[in-house]
């Protein structure tokens, strides 16, 4: 599964670890609607760690 194949309905259960706002898919990254942080996808797994944000 890649970030592009991660169903949008699955993202509704996950929030930004920093500001607790909704996340959305943007290509190969997961982006926060609140603070704008972008989280990488490594080996098809979103890495939702604040210190790894892009």
C-alpha atoms as a PDB file:
ATOM      1  CA  UNK A   1       0.000   0.000   0.000  1.00  0.00           C
ATOM      2  CA  UNK A   2       1.362   3.425  -0.871  1.00  0.00           C
ATOM      3  CA  UNK A   3       0.209   6.840   0.258  1.00  0.00           C
ATOM      4  CA  UNK A   4      -1.783   7.079  -2.964  1.00  0.00           C
ATOM      5  CA  UNK A   5      -3.543   3.774  -2.312  1.00  0.00           C
ATOM      6  CA  UNK A   6      -4.215   4.553   1.354  1.00  0.00           C
ATOM      7  CA  UNK A   7      -7.989   4.989   1.412  1.00  0.00           C
ATOM      8  CA  UNK A   8      -9.130   8.464   2.443  1.00  0.00           C
ATOM      9  CA  UNK A   9     -11.598   6.929   4.884  1.00  0.00           C
ATOM     10  CA  UNK A  10      -8.664   5.367   6.780  1.00  0.00           C
ATOM     11  CA  UNK A  11      -7.106   8.793   7.274  1.00  0.00           C
ATOM     12  CA  UNK A  12     -10.152  10.017   9.176  1.00  0.00           C
ATOM     13  CA  UNK A  13      -8.978   7.937  12.152  1.00  0.00           C
ATOM     14  CA  UNK A  14      -5.489   9.456  12.157  1.00  0.00           C
ATOM     15  CA  UNK A  15      -4.528  12.993  13.177  1.00  0.00           C
ATOM     16  CA  UNK A  16      -1.364  15.069  13.095  1.00  0.00           C
ATOM     17  CA  UNK A  17       0.830  14.149  16.087  1.00  0.00           C
ATOM     18  CA  UNK A  18       1.696  17.843  16.596  1.00  0.00           C
ATOM     19  CA  UNK A  19      -1.544  19.837  16.273  1.00  0.00           C
ATOM     20  CA  UNK A  20      -4.173  17.040  16.194  1.00  0.00           C
ATOM     21  CA  UNK A  21      -5.746  18.264  12.934  1.00  0.00           C
ATOM     22  CA  UNK A  22      -6.940  16.222   9.957  1.00  0.00           C
ATOM     23  CA  UNK A  23      -4.449  14.637   7.541  1.00  0.00           C
ATOM     24  CA  UNK A  24      -4.780  14.424   3.756  1.00  0.00           C
ATOM     25  CA  UNK A  25      -2.896  12.657   0.983  1.00  0.00           C
ATOM     26  CA  UNK A  26      -0.756  14.745  -1.331  1.00  0.00           C
ATOM     27  CA  UNK A  27       1.041  12.426  -3.709  1.00  0.00           C
ATOM     28  CA  UNK A  28       3.670  10.487  -1.799  1.00  0.00           C
ATOM     29  CA  UNK A  29       3.296  12.409   1.461  1.00  0.00           C
ATOM     30  CA  UNK A  30       0.655  12.809   4.130  1.00  0.00           C
ATOM     31  CA  UNK A  31      -0.038  16.488   4.858  1.00  0.00           C
ATOM     32  CA  UNK A  32      -1.650  18.167   7.869  1.00  0.00           C
ATOM     33  CA  UNK A  33      -4.494  20.591   7.168  1.00  0.00           C
ATOM     34  CA  UNK A  34      -3.767  22.505  10.376  1.00  0.00           C
ATOM     35  CA  UNK A  35      -0.029  23.137  10.715  1.00  0.00           C
ATOM     36  CA  UNK A  36       1.002  22.190   7.183  1.00  0.00           C
ATOM     37  CA  UNK A  37       3.578  19.591   8.213  1.00  0.00           C
ATOM     38  CA  UNK A  38       4.170  16.892   5.638  1.00  0.00           C
ATOM     39  CA  UNK A  39       4.996  13.360   6.699  1.00  0.00           C
ATOM     40  CA  UNK A  40       6.958  10.995   4.467  1.00  0.00           C
ATOM     41  CA  UNK A  41       5.864   7.556   3.370  1.00  0.00           C
ATOM     42  CA  UNK A  42       8.697   5.033   3.755  1.00  0.00           C
ATOM     43  CA  UNK A  43       8.314   1.506   2.381  1.00  0.00           C
ATOM     44  CA  UNK A  44       4.593   2.184   1.903  1.00  0.00           C
ATOM     45  CA  UNK A  45       4.142   3.179   5.571  1.00  0.00           C
ATOM     46  CA  UNK A  46       3.291   6.763   6.610  1.00  0.00           C
ATOM     47  CA  UNK A  47       5.856   7.947   9.169  1.00  0.00           C
ATOM     48  CA  UNK A  48       3.843  10.186  11.481  1.00  0.00           C
ATOM     49  CA  UNK A  49       6.665  11.343  13.744  1.00  0.00           C
ATOM     50  CA  UNK A  50       7.059  15.069  14.408  1.00  0.00           C
ATOM     51  CA  UNK A  51      10.853  14.929  14.086  1.00  0.00           C
ATOM     52  CA  UNK A  52      10.601  13.242  10.665  1.00  0.00           C
ATOM     53  CA  UNK A  53       8.206  15.833   9.184  1.00  0.00           C
ATOM     54  CA  UNK A  54       9.316  17.424   5.918  1.00  0.00           C
END
